[in-house]
Amino acid sequence: MGLQRCQAGARPVTYTIDVHLTPSEVRRRMCEDAVRGLQSPQKSIPPVWFYDERGSTLFDEITRLPEYYPTRSERRLLEAHAAEIAELSKADTVVELGAGSCEKSRVLLDAFDEGGSLDRYVPFDVSDDFLRTAADSICDEYGGLAVHLVIGDFHDHLSLIPDGGRRMIAFLGGTIGNFTPNQRSKFLFDLNCIMTSDDSFLLGTDIVKNRDRLVAAYDDAAGTTAAFNKNVLSVLNERLGGTFDPECFSHVALWNETEQWIEMRLRARTAMDVTLHAAGITVHFDEGEDLLTEVSAKFTPAGVSEELNGAGFVVDGMWGVDEGEFLLTLAHPFC
């Protein structure tokens, strides 16, 4: 834990940083994920490793593409209903999992601030650099707000979220769709276990819709998503001493009807061997073999309610059902 001074207007403000994931630990985890995923029958790499500086820039560009509706749809819902969400939750602390640049959270912070209840903001992410940069701007914009940064992985460090106060934990952007059903079940159960009866949970999920529209959101005409997908190979090269040639792979986006999710894949254009020196492995790809880089599950309102109820949550409100684009759900632990 450390203290950092930043300037909010003319008054210095102290924010707190808890670091549960150091750069060396991040590299170790990437190495483990690569060894396990690239040596599995279905080669895979977790989507968390998309996000170096270039990957983050590319994803920011993706959110502005005409085909990519989720970010715009979720923001419209937040802008329309944040005040109602603040009133229902009555939280004095907003915790945001996977906060990144904290852009979406500003809509929530404004609503809670206007309601007079906001005391503390807790952005949680694996990226140290992103959160420190975000903390500077948040301190500038919200001078009286206590800001407590947490560098961690929400698969492992949920129990280390600062307690105290009445918290609303937000998990936005449809990120929960990157989990398999078993991972979602464990995540929701673990989250419930660290919450009190006064806390609440705001979840953003994408909704099942026309297949062509879903696929287009992950395979845009400009090729930005393809560049984003291939960038994970550059990340592996840089951080693990890899020999991937991104141009030897094609971007593929598929709708899996059985699982109700989009699959992003990188398909080998030719047979090749790839070495990751830091991981101590060499991996063979056949021509046409796929590397699975992301799943993005889509939901129905009934399905979201069922999964939340199964993990011990009671739904307090849902927004976006009638529009059928994106869904915000507010829930609290059943105690």
Protein backbone atom coordinates (compact mmCIF):
# COMPACT_ATOMS: atom_id res chain seq x y z
CA MET A 1 0.00 0.00 0.00
CA GLY A 2 1.24 3.51 -0.76
CA LEU A 3 0.12 7.12 -0.74
CA GLN A 4 0.29 9.39 -3.75
CA ARG A 5 -0.22 13.14 -3.86
CA CYS A 6 -2.19 14.67 -6.69
CA GLN A 7 -3.58 18.10 -7.34
CA ALA A 8 -7.33 18.72 -7.39
CA GLY A 9 -7.76 22.36 -8.27
CA ALA A 10 -5.68 24.28 -5.75
CA ARG A 11 -5.92 21.67 -2.99
CA PRO A 12 -3.67 18.59 -2.78
CA VAL A 13 -5.52 15.29 -2.34
CA THR A 14 -4.13 11.98 -1.16
CA TYR A 15 -5.13 8.79 -2.89
CA THR A 16 -4.26 5.30 -1.76
CA ILE A 17 -2.85 2.47 -3.88
CA ASP A 18 -2.99 -1.22 -2.95
CA VAL A 19 -0.73 -3.31 -5.21
CA HIS A 20 -1.58 -7.01 -5.16
CA LEU A 21 -0.19 -7.71 -8.63
CA THR A 22 3.38 -6.62 -9.37
CA PRO A 23 4.90 -6.48 -12.89
CA SER A 24 6.91 -9.62 -12.17
CA GLU A 25 3.75 -11.42 -11.03
CA VAL A 26 1.91 -10.28 -14.17
CA ARG A 27 4.72 -11.71 -16.31
CA ARG A 28 4.68 -14.97 -14.36
CA ARG A 29 0.92 -15.31 -14.87
CA MET A 30 1.23 -14.61 -18.58
CA CYS A 31 3.90 -17.29 -18.81
CA GLU A 32 1.67 -19.80 -17.02
CA ASP A 33 -1.32 -18.94 -19.23
CA ALA A 34 0.79 -19.32 -22.37
CA VAL A 35 2.25 -22.68 -21.33
CA ARG A 36 -1.14 -24.06 -20.34
CA GLY A 37 -3.17 -22.55 -23.19
CA LEU A 38 -0.78 -23.09 -26.09
CA GLN A 39 -0.20 -26.73 -25.16
CA SER A 40 -3.89 -27.59 -24.83
CA PRO A 41 -5.75 -29.50 -27.58
CA GLN A 42 -7.65 -26.26 -28.34
CA LYS A 43 -4.90 -23.67 -28.22
CA SER A 44 -5.97 -20.53 -26.35
CA ILE A 45 -4.72 -17.42 -24.59
CA PRO A 46 -6.84 -15.37 -22.13
CA PRO A 47 -8.13 -12.01 -23.45
CA VAL A 48 -6.56 -10.09 -20.55
CA TRP A 49 -3.28 -10.19 -22.49
CA PHE A 50 -4.67 -8.04 -25.33
CA TYR A 51 -4.05 -4.92 -23.33
CA ASP A 52 -0.63 -3.41 -23.74
CA GLU A 53 -0.52 0.26 -24.77
CA ARG A 54 -1.25 -0.48 -28.43
CA GLY A 55 -3.98 -2.97 -27.56
CA SER A 56 -5.69 -0.43 -25.32
CA THR A 57 -5.49 2.20 -28.07
CA LEU A 58 -6.97 -0.21 -30.60
CA PHE A 59 -9.80 -1.19 -28.26
CA ASP A 60 -10.59 2.49 -27.71
CA GLU A 61 -10.86 2.82 -31.51
CA ILE A 62 -13.11 -0.26 -31.62
CA THR A 63 -15.59 1.34 -29.21
CA ARG A 64 -16.07 4.17 -31.74
CA LEU A 65 -16.68 1.93 -34.76
CA PRO A 66 -20.20 1.95 -36.26
CA GLU A 67 -20.43 -1.85 -35.93
CA TYR A 68 -19.48 -1.93 -32.25
CA TYR A 69 -22.69 -1.10 -30.41
CA PRO A 70 -22.01 -2.36 -26.81
CA THR A 71 -20.09 0.65 -25.48
CA ARG A 72 -22.55 3.21 -26.88
CA SER A 73 -25.56 1.20 -25.75
CA GLU A 74 -24.26 0.77 -22.21
CA ARG A 75 -23.34 4.44 -21.92
CA ARG A 76 -26.83 5.50 -23.06
CA LEU A 77 -28.32 3.32 -20.32
CA LEU A 78 -25.95 4.72 -17.72
CA GLU A 79 -26.72 8.31 -18.71
CA ALA A 80 -30.46 7.63 -18.62
CA HIS A 81 -30.60 5.65 -15.38
CA ALA A 82 -27.53 6.45 -13.25
CA ALA A 83 -29.55 8.69 -10.92
CA GLU A 84 -32.08 5.91 -10.35
CA ILE A 85 -29.28 3.40 -9.77
CA ALA A 86 -27.69 5.73 -7.22
CA GLU A 87 -30.99 6.17 -5.41
CA LEU A 88 -31.68 2.42 -5.28
CA SER A 89 -28.20 1.45 -4.12
CA LYS A 90 -27.79 4.33 -1.64
CA ALA A 91 -24.07 3.62 -1.82
CA ASP A 92 -21.38 6.00 -0.58
CA THR A 93 -18.60 4.00 -2.27
CA VAL A 94 -18.39 3.06 -5.96
CA VAL A 95 -16.07 0.12 -6.70
CA GLU A 96 -15.37 -0.53 -10.39
CA LEU A 97 -13.91 -3.86 -11.46
CA GLY A 98 -11.82 -3.65 -14.64
CA ALA A 99 -11.88 0.13 -14.43
CA GLY A 100 -9.30 0.79 -17.15
CA SER A 101 -9.37 4.53 -17.95
CA CYS A 102 -12.45 5.03 -15.70
CA GLU A 103 -14.40 6.70 -18.52
CA LYS A 104 -17.74 4.97 -17.88
CA SER A 105 -17.43 5.43 -14.16
CA ARG A 106 -17.65 9.21 -14.50
CA VAL A 107 -21.33 8.90 -15.38
CA LEU A 108 -21.91 6.96 -12.17
CA LEU A 109 -19.71 9.24 -10.08
CA ASP A 110 -21.61 12.29 -11.30
CA ALA A 111 -24.95 10.71 -10.40
CA PHE A 112 -23.82 9.62 -6.94
CA ASP A 113 -22.17 12.98 -6.35
CA GLU A 114 -25.33 14.86 -7.30
CA GLY A 115 -27.29 12.62 -4.96
CA GLY A 116 -25.02 13.71 -2.13
CA SER A 117 -23.94 10.23 -1.07
CA LEU A 118 -20.55 9.79 -2.74
CA ASP A 119 -17.54 9.55 -0.42
CA ARG A 120 -15.15 7.12 -2.08
CA TYR A 121 -14.22 5.65 -5.47
CA VAL A 122 -12.31 2.36 -5.75
CA PRO A 123 -11.09 1.54 -9.29
CA PHE A 124 -9.77 -2.04 -9.58
CA ASP A 125 -7.67 -3.25 -12.52
CA VAL A 126 -4.62 -5.32 -13.46
CA SER A 127 -2.96 -2.31 -15.09
CA ASP A 128 -0.94 -0.17 -12.72
CA ASP A 129 -0.20 2.51 -15.33
CA PHE A 130 -3.86 2.89 -16.38
CA LEU A 131 -5.07 3.33 -12.82
CA ARG A 132 -2.41 5.82 -11.80
CA THR A 133 -3.21 7.93 -14.86
CA ALA A 134 -6.93 7.66 -14.11
CA ALA A 135 -6.35 8.66 -10.47
CA ASP A 136 -4.73 11.92 -11.55
CA SER A 137 -7.73 12.91 -13.66
CA ILE A 138 -10.31 11.71 -11.12
CA CYS A 139 -8.63 13.78 -8.41
CA ASP A 140 -8.71 16.82 -10.69
CA GLU A 141 -12.41 16.38 -11.44
CA TYR A 142 -13.68 15.30 -8.01
CA GLY A 143 -11.71 17.30 -5.46
CA GLY A 144 -13.44 16.02 -2.33
CA LEU A 145 -13.51 12.38 -3.31
CA ALA A 146 -11.41 9.73 -1.55
CA VAL A 147 -9.81 7.58 -4.26
CA HIS A 148 -8.45 4.12 -3.42
CA LEU A 149 -6.74 2.32 -6.31
CA VAL A 150 -6.45 -1.47 -6.27
CA ILE A 151 -4.05 -3.24 -8.63
CA GLY A 152 -5.24 -6.81 -8.80
CA ASP A 153 -6.95 -9.65 -10.66
CA PHE A 154 -10.65 -10.07 -9.93
CA HIS A 155 -10.24 -13.84 -10.26
CA ASP A 156 -7.95 -13.85 -7.21
CA HIS A 157 -8.18 -10.59 -5.30
CA LEU A 158 -11.89 -9.85 -4.78
CA SER A 159 -11.48 -10.42 -1.05
CA LEU A 160 -8.96 -7.57 -0.96
CA ILE A 161 -11.41 -4.90 -2.13
CA PRO A 162 -11.48 -2.23 0.61
CA ASP A 163 -14.42 -2.69 2.94
CA GLY A 164 -16.34 -0.14 4.97
CA GLY A 165 -19.19 2.13 3.96
CA ARG A 166 -22.05 1.12 1.72
CA ARG A 167 -20.48 -0.13 -1.51
CA MET A 168 -21.83 -0.52 -5.03
CA ILE A 169 -19.54 -2.84 -6.99
CA ALA A 170 -19.81 -2.21 -10.73
CA PHE A 171 -18.71 -4.71 -13.38
CA LEU A 172 -19.47 -3.05 -16.70
CA GLY A 173 -18.69 -3.38 -20.40
CA GLY A 174 -20.02 -6.92 -20.75
CA THR A 175 -16.67 -8.19 -19.40
CA ILE A 176 -18.39 -11.00 -17.51
CA GLY A 177 -19.15 -12.43 -20.96
CA ASN A 178 -15.45 -13.31 -21.29
CA PHE A 179 -15.98 -15.97 -18.61
CA THR A 180 -17.19 -19.50 -19.20
CA PRO A 181 -20.37 -20.50 -17.29
CA ASN A 182 -18.29 -22.18 -14.57
CA GLN A 183 -16.05 -19.12 -14.26
CA ARG A 184 -19.11 -16.85 -14.04
CA SER A 185 -20.65 -19.01 -11.34
CA LYS A 186 -17.44 -18.96 -9.27
CA PHE A 187 -16.94 -15.23 -9.77
CA LEU A 188 -20.48 -14.37 -8.69
CA PHE A 189 -20.31 -16.70 -5.68
CA ASP A 190 -16.94 -15.27 -4.61
CA LEU A 191 -18.26 -11.74 -5.04
CA ASN A 192 -21.34 -12.50 -2.96
CA CYS A 193 -19.11 -13.85 -0.19
CA ILE A 194 -17.24 -10.56 0.23
CA MET A 195 -20.35 -8.34 0.18
CA THR A 196 -22.56 -7.25 3.06
CA SER A 197 -26.34 -6.88 3.00
CA ASP A 198 -25.87 -3.10 2.52
CA ASP A 199 -23.74 -3.54 -0.60
CA SER A 200 -25.05 -3.77 -4.16
CA PHE A 201 -23.79 -5.06 -7.50
CA LEU A 202 -24.22 -3.35 -10.89
CA LEU A 203 -23.65 -5.69 -13.83
CA GLY A 204 -23.43 -4.81 -17.54
CA THR A 205 -24.22 -7.60 -20.01
CA ASP A 206 -24.69 -7.75 -23.77
CA ILE A 207 -27.97 -9.21 -25.00
CA VAL A 208 -28.49 -12.00 -27.54
CA LYS A 209 -29.58 -10.50 -30.85
CA ASN A 210 -29.30 -10.95 -34.61
CA ARG A 211 -26.31 -13.18 -35.40
CA ASP A 212 -25.00 -11.02 -38.26
CA ARG A 213 -25.03 -7.94 -36.06
CA LEU A 214 -23.18 -9.77 -33.30
CA VAL A 215 -20.48 -11.05 -35.65
CA ALA A 216 -20.05 -7.65 -37.32
CA ALA A 217 -19.29 -6.07 -33.93
CA TYR A 218 -16.25 -8.38 -33.69
CA ASP A 219 -15.23 -8.32 -37.36
CA ASP A 220 -15.53 -4.70 -38.52
CA ALA A 221 -15.03 -3.57 -42.07
CA ALA A 222 -12.08 -1.33 -41.17
CA GLY A 223 -10.10 -4.27 -39.77
CA THR A 224 -9.53 -2.62 -36.38
CA THR A 225 -10.73 -5.67 -34.44
CA ALA A 226 -8.47 -7.88 -36.56
CA ALA A 227 -5.49 -5.69 -35.63
CA PHE A 228 -6.55 -5.80 -31.97
CA ASN A 229 -6.81 -9.59 -32.06
CA LYS A 230 -3.42 -10.04 -33.70
CA ASN A 231 -1.84 -7.65 -31.22
CA VAL A 232 -1.94 -10.36 -28.55
CA LEU A 233 0.77 -12.15 -30.54
CA SER A 234 2.94 -9.01 -30.42
CA VAL A 235 2.39 -8.85 -26.66
CA LEU A 236 3.55 -12.46 -26.31
CA ASN A 237 6.57 -11.72 -28.48
CA GLU A 238 7.58 -8.67 -26.46
CA ARG A 239 6.99 -10.02 -22.95
CA LEU A 240 7.84 -13.70 -23.38
CA GLY A 241 10.44 -13.62 -26.14
CA GLY A 242 8.07 -15.07 -28.74
CA THR A 243 8.60 -15.67 -32.44
CA PHE A 244 5.00 -15.21 -33.62
CA ASP A 245 4.55 -13.52 -37.00
CA PRO A 246 1.12 -11.86 -36.71
CA GLU A 247 0.82 -11.70 -40.49
CA CYS A 248 0.82 -15.50 -40.61
CA PHE A 249 -2.56 -15.52 -38.85
CA SER A 250 -6.04 -14.47 -39.96
CA HIS A 251 -8.64 -12.92 -37.68
CA VAL A 252 -11.81 -15.00 -37.36
CA ALA A 253 -15.04 -14.14 -35.47
CA LEU A 254 -17.66 -16.89 -35.08
CA TRP A 255 -21.05 -17.16 -33.39
CA ASN A 256 -21.32 -20.31 -31.27
CA GLU A 257 -25.04 -21.02 -31.10
CA THR A 258 -24.69 -23.78 -28.51
CA GLU A 259 -22.76 -21.63 -26.03
CA GLN A 260 -24.46 -18.37 -27.05
CA TRP A 261 -21.19 -16.54 -27.40
CA ILE A 262 -18.90 -14.95 -29.96
CA GLU A 263 -15.51 -16.62 -30.40
CA MET A 264 -12.52 -14.61 -31.57
CA ARG A 265 -9.83 -16.76 -33.10
CA LEU A 266 -6.51 -16.42 -34.89
CA ARG A 267 -6.20 -18.96 -37.71
CA ALA A 268 -2.79 -20.09 -38.93
CA ARG A 269 -2.36 -19.43 -42.64
CA THR A 270 0.43 -21.98 -42.90
CA ALA A 271 2.05 -24.66 -40.79
CA MET A 272 4.67 -23.24 -38.44
CA ASP A 273 6.57 -23.66 -35.18
CA VAL A 274 6.51 -20.81 -32.66
CA THR A 275 8.85 -20.48 -29.68
CA LEU A 276 8.27 -18.57 -26.46
CA HIS A 277 11.77 -18.40 -25.01
CA ALA A 278 10.75 -17.07 -21.58
CA ALA A 279 8.21 -19.89 -21.22
CA GLY A 280 10.62 -22.52 -22.51
CA ILE A 281 8.19 -23.96 -25.06
CA THR A 282 7.94 -24.43 -28.82
CA VAL A 283 4.47 -24.90 -30.23
CA HIS A 284 3.48 -26.31 -33.61
CA PHE A 285 0.55 -24.91 -35.59
CA ASP A 286 -0.99 -26.83 -38.47
CA GLU A 287 -2.25 -24.87 -41.44
CA GLY A 288 -5.79 -23.76 -40.61
CA GLU A 289 -5.41 -24.41 -36.87
CA ASP A 290 -7.06 -21.89 -34.56
CA LEU A 291 -5.82 -20.07 -31.48
CA LEU A 292 -8.85 -19.07 -29.36
CA THR A 293 -8.29 -15.57 -27.95
CA GLU A 294 -11.68 -14.57 -26.56
CA VAL A 295 -15.22 -15.67 -25.93
CA SER A 296 -17.89 -13.02 -25.43
CA ALA A 297 -21.11 -14.50 -24.08
CA LYS A 298 -24.46 -12.85 -24.77
CA PHE A 299 -27.38 -13.07 -22.37
CA THR A 300 -31.11 -12.83 -21.97
CA PRO A 301 -32.64 -10.88 -19.06
CA ALA A 302 -34.04 -14.13 -17.68
CA GLY A 303 -30.64 -15.78 -17.93
CA VAL A 304 -28.94 -12.92 -16.06
CA SER A 305 -31.54 -13.13 -13.28
CA GLU A 306 -31.11 -16.89 -13.06
CA GLU A 307 -27.32 -16.70 -12.75
CA LEU A 308 -27.50 -13.94 -10.15
CA ASN A 309 -30.16 -15.75 -8.13
CA GLY A 310 -28.10 -18.94 -8.27
CA ALA A 311 -25.16 -17.08 -6.71
CA GLY A 312 -27.27 -15.64 -3.90
CA PHE A 313 -28.26 -12.25 -5.35
CA VAL A 314 -31.67 -10.59 -5.47
CA VAL A 315 -32.34 -8.38 -8.51
CA ASP A 316 -33.41 -4.83 -7.61
CA GLY A 317 -33.71 -3.39 -11.11
CA MET A 318 -33.00 -3.98 -14.79
CA TRP A 319 -32.58 -1.41 -17.52
CA GLY A 320 -32.41 -2.03 -21.27
CA VAL A 321 -34.86 -4.95 -21.51
CA ASP A 322 -37.23 -3.16 -23.89
CA GLU A 323 -34.46 -1.86 -26.16
CA GLY A 324 -32.87 -5.31 -26.49
CA GLU A 325 -29.37 -3.91 -27.01
CA PHE A 326 -27.59 -4.04 -23.68
CA LEU A 327 -28.59 -4.71 -20.10
CA LEU A 328 -27.76 -3.10 -16.77
CA THR A 329 -28.78 -5.07 -13.68
CA LEU A 330 -28.63 -3.91 -10.07
CA ALA A 331 -28.72 -6.62 -7.39
CA HIS A 332 -27.90 -7.14 -3.72
CA PRO A 333 -26.80 -10.21 -1.74
CA PHE A 334 -29.57 -12.24 -0.20
CA CYS A 335 -28.82 -12.50 3.50
